């Protein structure tokens, strides 16, 4: 009786071949299961195979991405991140994924994904003139793939093997004192004038200001403990951006006067609205008592800036204006940081280093005065 012998490829063996399209493809076989990896060079494929072998040693088997795609990974990551990130942040990431990532590589299977896909995506976005988007896309993908590695869908994070797209935000100049006076003197009885004056005097984020209630006002101070955002067509109230965002801020006389004007105007709106008034207790609202949309504030501000021939300024620009004036006039950085609700003093220094740098002339004068009193040998 004749016995046939079957030849099996040895366990944990790998091979690398060059494809017709110029890329390289590697194979690793473990317990009869073969996994393919891809790369633009033989060295890259060899490194991926070594990473797979290392995971086999730890897991006892190959990572199992199955038929999962980049789109599946994004879905899983966004779902998992809902318990960690703020609703507005999740919404912004979802828009980023749907607009820029899914159309390009959403259908690519994880088993066939390589850094080349990502580098080409970044290049295409940069070619479209989307200066900030490539960097934001990289951050989103890196976080999504980090979860895929944790769940053993991927042996490594492909974003670690690409050249990260650079984005250097241009510093926006703030208004001068003269320009600020022109603005405050030119807004007259504008219905958003109290809000704009309050933003200048408090340094609050817009989301914090529009979440402020009359109960949060205590004499000359306000208690900031919430923010409000429009997410998915609904208003979502949440915590401030950081734990340090929960704070008390003392207001200047001009901001307190703006609050009194707002209370009087809101009383008139309430009478006109009657039963349709939204009794939310918010300080800054529409004429119906509903929360203010950021886009409404920005659009109105843009029109006023044009009318007064002032450089354009976003609502968030009032916060920069507030901080820049404080630092330029010598208020200690820790005090400015606490007033802004920054999580660390280093954040304040990073954002306003150009203002701090303006003190260099003053520093030279101070040290010069000290040195002039020292006899030179």
Protein backbone atom coordinates (compact mmCIF):
# COMPACT_ATOMS: atom_id res chain seq x y z
CA UNK A 1 0.00 0.00 0.00
CA UNK A 2 1.39 3.35 -1.04
CA UNK A 3 1.26 6.29 1.38
CA UNK A 4 1.30 9.80 -0.01
CA UNK A 5 3.27 12.47 1.78
CA UNK A 6 2.06 16.08 1.82
CA UNK A 7 4.58 18.83 1.94
CA UNK A 8 3.72 21.73 4.28
CA UNK A 9 5.47 25.04 4.43
CA UNK A 10 7.41 25.27 7.71
CA UNK A 11 5.69 27.21 10.53
CA UNK A 12 6.51 30.91 11.07
CA UNK A 13 8.23 31.29 7.70
CA UNK A 14 8.25 34.38 5.54
CA UNK A 15 9.00 35.33 1.97
CA UNK A 16 9.29 38.62 0.08
CA UNK A 17 8.55 39.16 -3.60
CA UNK A 18 8.44 42.16 -5.88
CA UNK A 19 5.12 42.90 -7.55
CA UNK A 20 4.55 44.04 -11.11
CA UNK A 21 3.52 47.50 -9.91
CA UNK A 22 6.99 47.97 -8.34
CA UNK A 23 5.91 47.52 -4.74
CA UNK A 24 7.06 44.68 -2.52
CA UNK A 25 4.87 42.05 -0.93
CA UNK A 26 5.78 39.83 2.00
CA UNK A 27 4.13 36.71 3.37
CA UNK A 28 4.21 35.19 6.84
CA UNK A 29 2.69 31.76 7.43
CA UNK A 30 1.76 30.61 10.93
CA UNK A 31 -0.11 27.35 11.61
CA UNK A 32 -1.36 27.16 8.07
CA UNK A 33 -2.55 30.79 7.98
CA UNK A 34 -0.77 33.15 5.65
CA UNK A 35 -0.71 36.92 6.06
CA UNK A 36 0.47 39.42 3.44
CA UNK A 37 2.07 42.81 4.03
CA UNK A 38 3.01 45.47 1.51
CA UNK A 39 5.59 48.23 1.14
CA UNK A 40 7.50 50.41 -1.27
CA UNK A 41 10.82 48.77 -0.44
CA UNK A 42 12.09 45.34 0.51
CA UNK A 43 13.44 46.76 3.75
CA UNK A 44 10.03 48.15 4.73
CA UNK A 45 8.34 44.81 4.08
CA UNK A 46 11.02 42.98 6.04
CA UNK A 47 10.43 45.28 8.99
CA UNK A 48 6.68 44.66 8.82
CA UNK A 49 7.26 40.91 8.77
CA UNK A 50 9.47 41.16 11.85
CA UNK A 51 6.71 43.14 13.59
CA UNK A 52 4.24 40.40 12.70
CA UNK A 53 6.57 37.73 14.05
CA UNK A 54 6.94 39.67 17.29
CA UNK A 55 3.17 39.76 17.69
CA UNK A 56 2.93 36.06 17.01
CA UNK A 57 5.35 35.46 19.89
CA UNK A 58 3.22 37.59 22.22
CA UNK A 59 -0.24 36.53 21.03
CA UNK A 60 0.46 33.01 19.93
CA UNK A 61 -1.21 33.77 16.61
CA UNK A 62 -1.40 36.33 13.84
CA UNK A 63 -3.34 39.58 14.43
CA UNK A 64 -6.76 39.21 12.89
CA UNK A 65 -8.02 42.24 10.95
CA UNK A 66 -10.40 40.01 9.00
CA UNK A 67 -12.03 41.97 6.20
CA UNK A 68 -12.05 45.22 8.15
CA UNK A 69 -11.42 48.43 6.27
CA UNK A 70 -10.09 51.85 7.20
CA UNK A 71 -13.71 53.01 7.34
CA UNK A 72 -14.57 50.24 9.82
CA UNK A 73 -11.63 51.31 11.97
CA UNK A 74 -12.78 54.93 11.95
CA UNK A 75 -16.27 53.87 13.03
CA UNK A 76 -14.90 51.79 15.88
CA UNK A 77 -12.58 54.55 17.04
CA UNK A 78 -15.26 57.26 17.01
CA UNK A 79 -17.61 55.02 18.96
CA UNK A 80 -14.95 54.21 21.56
CA UNK A 81 -13.84 57.85 21.86
CA UNK A 82 -17.30 59.15 22.79
CA UNK A 83 -16.65 58.39 26.44
CA UNK A 84 -13.33 60.28 26.40
CA UNK A 85 -13.77 63.28 24.12
CA UNK A 86 -16.14 66.22 24.23
CA UNK A 87 -19.22 66.00 21.96
CA UNK A 88 -18.04 68.89 19.81
CA UNK A 89 -14.61 67.25 19.35
CA UNK A 90 -16.26 63.98 18.30
CA UNK A 91 -18.45 65.88 15.85
CA UNK A 92 -15.43 67.67 14.36
CA UNK A 93 -13.55 64.37 13.96
CA UNK A 94 -16.60 62.75 12.32
CA UNK A 95 -16.84 65.60 9.81
CA UNK A 96 -13.10 65.32 9.10
CA UNK A 97 -13.38 61.56 8.51
CA UNK A 98 -16.47 61.79 6.31
CA UNK A 99 -15.20 64.68 4.22
CA UNK A 100 -11.56 63.80 3.65
CA UNK A 101 -10.62 60.27 4.75
CA UNK A 102 -13.47 57.94 3.77
CA UNK A 103 -13.74 59.10 0.14
CA UNK A 104 -10.01 58.48 -0.38
CA UNK A 105 -9.08 55.36 1.62
CA UNK A 106 -12.19 54.34 3.55
CA UNK A 107 -12.65 51.18 1.48
CA UNK A 108 -9.01 50.03 1.79
CA UNK A 109 -8.67 46.84 3.81
CA UNK A 110 -6.34 46.94 6.79
CA UNK A 111 -4.49 43.95 5.37
CA UNK A 112 -3.60 45.99 2.29
CA UNK A 113 -3.00 49.34 3.95
CA UNK A 114 0.54 50.71 3.88
CA UNK A 115 2.15 54.12 4.53
CA UNK A 116 2.03 54.91 0.82
CA UNK A 117 -1.77 55.23 0.99
CA UNK A 118 -1.46 57.79 3.78
CA UNK A 119 1.39 59.76 2.23
CA UNK A 120 -0.53 60.06 -1.02
CA UNK A 121 -3.65 61.19 0.86
CA UNK A 122 -1.70 63.93 2.64
CA UNK A 123 -0.12 65.06 -0.63
CA UNK A 124 -3.51 65.25 -2.35
CA UNK A 125 -4.97 67.35 0.48
CA UNK A 126 -1.97 69.68 0.43
CA UNK A 127 -2.28 70.04 -3.35
CA UNK A 128 -5.87 71.22 -2.82
CA UNK A 129 -4.59 74.06 -0.68
CA UNK A 130 -6.11 72.70 2.54
CA UNK A 131 -3.29 73.94 4.77
CA UNK A 132 -4.52 72.71 8.13
CA UNK A 133 -6.48 69.63 7.02
CA UNK A 134 -3.59 67.20 6.27
CA UNK A 135 -2.21 67.59 9.80
CA UNK A 136 -5.66 67.12 11.33
CA UNK A 137 -6.27 64.03 9.17
CA UNK A 138 -2.97 62.57 10.33
CA UNK A 139 -3.93 63.05 13.99
CA UNK A 140 -7.31 61.37 13.46
CA UNK A 141 -5.82 58.41 11.59
CA UNK A 142 -3.02 57.96 14.11
CA UNK A 143 -5.55 57.75 16.96
CA UNK A 144 -7.80 55.36 15.03
CA UNK A 145 -4.93 53.05 14.08
CA UNK A 146 -3.56 53.15 17.62
CA UNK A 147 -6.84 51.58 18.72
CA UNK A 148 -6.59 49.05 15.88
CA UNK A 149 -3.15 48.01 17.19
CA UNK A 150 -4.54 47.74 20.71
CA UNK A 151 -7.34 45.49 19.46
CA UNK A 152 -4.86 43.44 17.40
CA UNK A 153 -6.34 44.40 14.07
CA UNK A 154 -2.95 45.78 13.01
CA UNK A 155 0.58 44.76 13.98
CA UNK A 156 1.75 48.40 14.03
CA UNK A 157 0.50 51.91 13.44
CA UNK A 158 1.10 52.83 9.77
CA UNK A 159 1.05 56.53 10.67
CA UNK A 160 4.37 55.99 12.46
CA UNK A 161 5.98 55.27 9.10
CA UNK A 162 5.02 58.43 7.19
CA UNK A 163 6.30 61.98 7.02
CA UNK A 164 3.81 63.90 9.12
CA UNK A 165 2.33 66.86 7.20
CA UNK A 166 3.53 70.12 8.65
CA UNK A 167 1.22 72.94 9.61
CA UNK A 168 2.49 76.21 10.99
CA UNK A 169 -0.42 78.40 11.93
CA UNK A 170 0.11 82.00 11.04
CA UNK A 171 -0.09 84.28 14.05
CA UNK A 172 -3.04 86.61 13.79
CA UNK A 173 -2.36 90.16 14.83
CA UNK A 174 -4.73 91.60 17.42
CA UNK A 175 -6.14 95.09 17.42
CA UNK A 176 -4.32 98.03 18.92
CA UNK A 177 -5.84 100.03 21.76
CA UNK A 178 -6.93 102.68 19.27
CA UNK A 179 -8.68 100.07 17.13
CA UNK A 180 -10.41 98.61 20.17
CA UNK A 181 -11.66 102.07 21.14
CA UNK A 182 -12.93 102.56 17.59
CA UNK A 183 -14.82 99.29 17.81
CA UNK A 184 -16.36 99.87 21.25
CA UNK A 185 -17.30 103.41 20.28
CA UNK A 186 -18.79 102.29 16.97
CA UNK A 187 -21.03 99.39 17.97
CA UNK A 188 -23.60 101.78 19.45
CA UNK A 189 -26.79 99.96 20.44
CA UNK A 190 -25.99 96.78 18.46
CA UNK A 191 -27.89 93.85 19.96
CA UNK A 192 -24.63 91.87 20.30
CA UNK A 193 -22.68 94.81 21.72
CA UNK A 194 -23.00 93.61 25.36
CA UNK A 195 -21.62 90.18 24.41
CA UNK A 196 -18.64 91.62 22.53
CA UNK A 197 -17.84 94.02 25.37
CA UNK A 198 -18.11 91.15 27.85
CA UNK A 199 -15.74 88.97 25.80
CA UNK A 200 -13.12 91.71 25.73
CA UNK A 201 -13.39 92.33 29.46
CA UNK A 202 -13.54 88.70 30.62
CA UNK A 203 -11.30 86.80 28.22
CA UNK A 204 -13.88 83.99 28.16
CA UNK A 205 -14.20 81.52 25.34
CA UNK A 206 -17.32 82.17 23.26
CA UNK A 207 -18.72 78.76 24.25
CA UNK A 208 -18.30 79.72 27.92
CA UNK A 209 -19.91 83.14 27.49
CA UNK A 210 -23.02 81.83 25.73
CA UNK A 211 -23.43 79.18 28.46
CA UNK A 212 -23.33 81.80 31.23
CA UNK A 213 -26.53 82.12 33.31
CA UNK A 214 -27.68 84.99 35.48
CA UNK A 215 -27.11 82.76 38.52
CA UNK A 216 -23.40 82.62 37.61
CA UNK A 217 -22.98 86.34 38.28
CA UNK A 218 -21.85 87.19 41.80
CA UNK A 219 -21.23 90.89 42.33
CA UNK A 220 -18.19 91.85 40.27
CA UNK A 221 -17.29 88.25 39.46
CA UNK A 222 -18.65 85.46 37.28
CA UNK A 223 -18.42 81.72 37.83
CA UNK A 224 -17.49 79.79 34.71
CA UNK A 225 -18.37 76.12 34.89
CA UNK A 226 -20.02 75.15 31.62
CA UNK A 227 -19.77 75.56 27.88
CA UNK A 228 -22.37 75.11 25.17
CA UNK A 229 -21.96 73.95 21.58
CA UNK A 230 -24.17 73.14 18.63
CA UNK A 231 -23.60 69.46 17.84
CA UNK A 232 -25.59 67.46 15.32
CA UNK A 233 -28.32 70.08 15.17
CA UNK A 234 -28.79 70.17 18.95
CA UNK A 235 -27.41 72.27 21.79
CA UNK A 236 -25.06 70.33 24.05
CA UNK A 237 -24.03 71.71 27.44
CA UNK A 238 -20.77 70.34 28.82
CA UNK A 239 -17.75 71.10 30.92
CA UNK A 240 -15.21 73.73 29.87
CA UNK A 241 -12.35 72.70 27.62
CA UNK A 242 -10.09 71.76 30.57
CA UNK A 243 -10.51 71.21 34.32
CA UNK A 244 -8.78 74.56 34.84
CA UNK A 245 -11.62 76.11 32.84
CA UNK A 246 -13.82 75.95 35.94
CA UNK A 247 -12.91 79.29 37.49
CA UNK A 248 -14.02 82.66 38.83
CA UNK A 249 -13.26 85.81 36.84
CA UNK A 250 -13.48 89.36 38.14
CA UNK A 251 -14.92 91.78 35.58
CA UNK A 252 -13.94 95.37 34.82
CA UNK A 253 -16.54 98.12 35.12
CA UNK A 254 -17.19 98.18 31.34
CA UNK A 255 -18.07 94.48 31.29
CA UNK A 256 -20.35 94.86 34.34
CA UNK A 257 -22.11 97.74 32.59
CA UNK A 258 -22.55 95.54 29.51
CA UNK A 259 -24.24 92.89 31.67
CA UNK A 260 -26.67 95.45 33.06
CA UNK A 261 -27.51 96.59 29.53
CA UNK A 262 -28.03 92.98 28.49
CA UNK A 263 -30.39 92.34 31.41
CA UNK A 264 -32.51 95.37 30.50
CA UNK A 265 -32.61 94.43 26.82
CA UNK A 266 -33.48 90.83 27.61
CA UNK A 267 -36.40 92.01 29.77
CA UNK A 268 -37.78 93.83 26.71
CA UNK A 269 -37.33 90.73 24.56
CA UNK A 270 -39.12 88.61 27.15
CA UNK A 271 -42.14 90.92 27.14
CA UNK A 272 -42.29 90.88 23.34
CA UNK A 273 -41.90 87.10 23.09
CA UNK A 274 -44.54 86.32 25.71
CA UNK A 275 -45.22 82.62 26.10
CA UNK A 276 -42.73 81.72 23.35
CA UNK A 277 -39.82 82.97 25.48
CA UNK A 278 -37.24 80.28 26.26
CA UNK A 279 -36.75 80.52 30.02
CA UNK A 280 -33.29 78.94 30.05
CA UNK A 281 -31.80 81.67 32.24
CA UNK A 282 -28.93 82.29 29.84
CA UNK A 283 -27.36 85.74 29.84
CA UNK A 284 -26.59 86.08 26.13
CA UNK A 285 -29.44 84.86 23.94
CA UNK A 286 -31.44 85.56 20.83
CA UNK A 287 -34.56 87.73 21.05
CA UNK A 288 -36.47 84.51 21.81
CA UNK A 289 -34.25 83.51 24.73
CA UNK A 290 -32.59 80.65 22.85
CA UNK A 291 -28.79 80.07 22.83
CA UNK A 292 -26.63 82.12 20.50
CA UNK A 293 -25.09 80.31 17.55
CA UNK A 294 -21.38 81.03 17.08
CA UNK A 295 -21.88 81.58 13.35
CA UNK A 296 -24.46 84.29 14.08
CA UNK A 297 -22.01 86.11 16.34
CA UNK A 298 -19.17 85.78 13.81
CA UNK A 299 -21.27 86.99 10.86
CA UNK A 300 -22.48 90.06 12.72
CA UNK A 301 -18.96 90.86 13.93
CA UNK A 302 -17.59 90.62 10.39
CA UNK A 303 -20.15 93.16 9.16
CA UNK A 304 -19.33 95.61 11.95
CA UNK A 305 -15.57 95.32 11.30
CA UNK A 306 -16.14 96.17 7.64
CA UNK A 307 -18.37 99.11 8.52
CA UNK A 308 -15.76 100.52 10.91
CA UNK A 309 -12.83 99.77 8.52
CA UNK A 310 -11.19 97.54 11.14
CA UNK A 311 -9.06 94.45 10.46
CA UNK A 312 -11.27 91.34 10.54
CA UNK A 313 -11.54 89.65 13.91
CA UNK A 314 -13.23 86.39 14.91
CA UNK A 315 -15.25 86.17 18.16
CA UNK A 316 -12.37 84.12 19.61
CA UNK A 317 -10.10 87.03 18.73
CA UNK A 318 -11.52 88.97 21.68
CA UNK A 319 -9.95 86.37 23.97
CA UNK A 320 -6.56 86.88 22.30
CA UNK A 321 -7.03 90.63 22.56
CA UNK A 322 -7.76 90.33 26.28
CA UNK A 323 -4.72 88.15 27.01
CA UNK A 324 -2.35 90.18 24.84
CA UNK A 325 -3.23 93.44 26.57
CA UNK A 326 -2.75 91.88 30.03
CA UNK A 327 0.65 90.42 29.18
CA UNK A 328 1.85 93.56 27.39
CA UNK A 329 1.08 95.55 30.52
CA UNK A 330 3.12 93.32 32.75
CA UNK A 331 0.52 91.06 34.41
CA UNK A 332 2.35 87.85 35.51
CA UNK A 333 1.89 84.94 33.12
CA UNK A 334 0.49 82.60 35.85
CA UNK A 335 -2.23 85.17 36.61
CA UNK A 336 -3.12 85.47 32.90
CA UNK A 337 -3.14 81.68 32.55
CA UNK A 338 -5.51 81.27 35.51
CA UNK A 339 -7.84 83.96 34.16
CA UNK A 340 -7.99 82.28 30.75
CA UNK A 341 -8.55 78.84 32.24
CA UNK A 342 -5.51 77.28 30.61
CA UNK A 343 -4.54 73.85 31.91
CA UNK A 344 -0.86 74.83 32.20
CA UNK A 345 1.14 78.04 32.20
CA UNK A 346 3.15 76.57 29.32
CA UNK A 347 0.02 76.68 27.16
CA UNK A 348 -0.24 80.42 27.73
CA UNK A 349 3.43 80.88 26.91
CA UNK A 350 3.09 78.87 23.69
CA UNK A 351 0.10 80.87 22.48
CA UNK A 352 1.32 84.31 23.52
CA UNK A 353 5.09 83.99 23.20
CA UNK A 354 5.09 86.83 20.64
CA UNK A 355 3.61 89.18 23.26
CA UNK A 356 6.05 88.04 25.94
CA UNK A 357 8.84 88.61 23.45
CA UNK A 358 7.81 92.26 23.31
CA UNK A 359 9.22 92.63 26.81
CA UNK A 360 12.75 92.08 25.49
CA UNK A 361 13.41 95.82 25.17
CA UNK A 362 12.24 96.35 28.72
CA UNK A 363 14.45 93.48 29.92
CA UNK A 364 17.47 95.05 28.22
CA UNK A 365 16.75 98.39 29.91
CA UNK A 366 16.44 96.75 33.33
CA UNK A 367 19.68 94.79 33.10
CA UNK A 368 21.41 97.79 31.54
CA UNK A 369 20.44 99.96 34.50
CA UNK A 370 21.82 97.33 36.88
CA UNK A 371 25.09 97.03 34.97
CA UNK A 372 25.59 100.80 34.82
CA UNK A 373 26.02 100.84 38.57
CA UNK A 374 28.86 98.34 38.44
CA UNK A 375 32.38 99.65 38.00
CA UNK A 376 34.13 98.12 35.02
CA UNK A 377 37.69 96.92 35.77
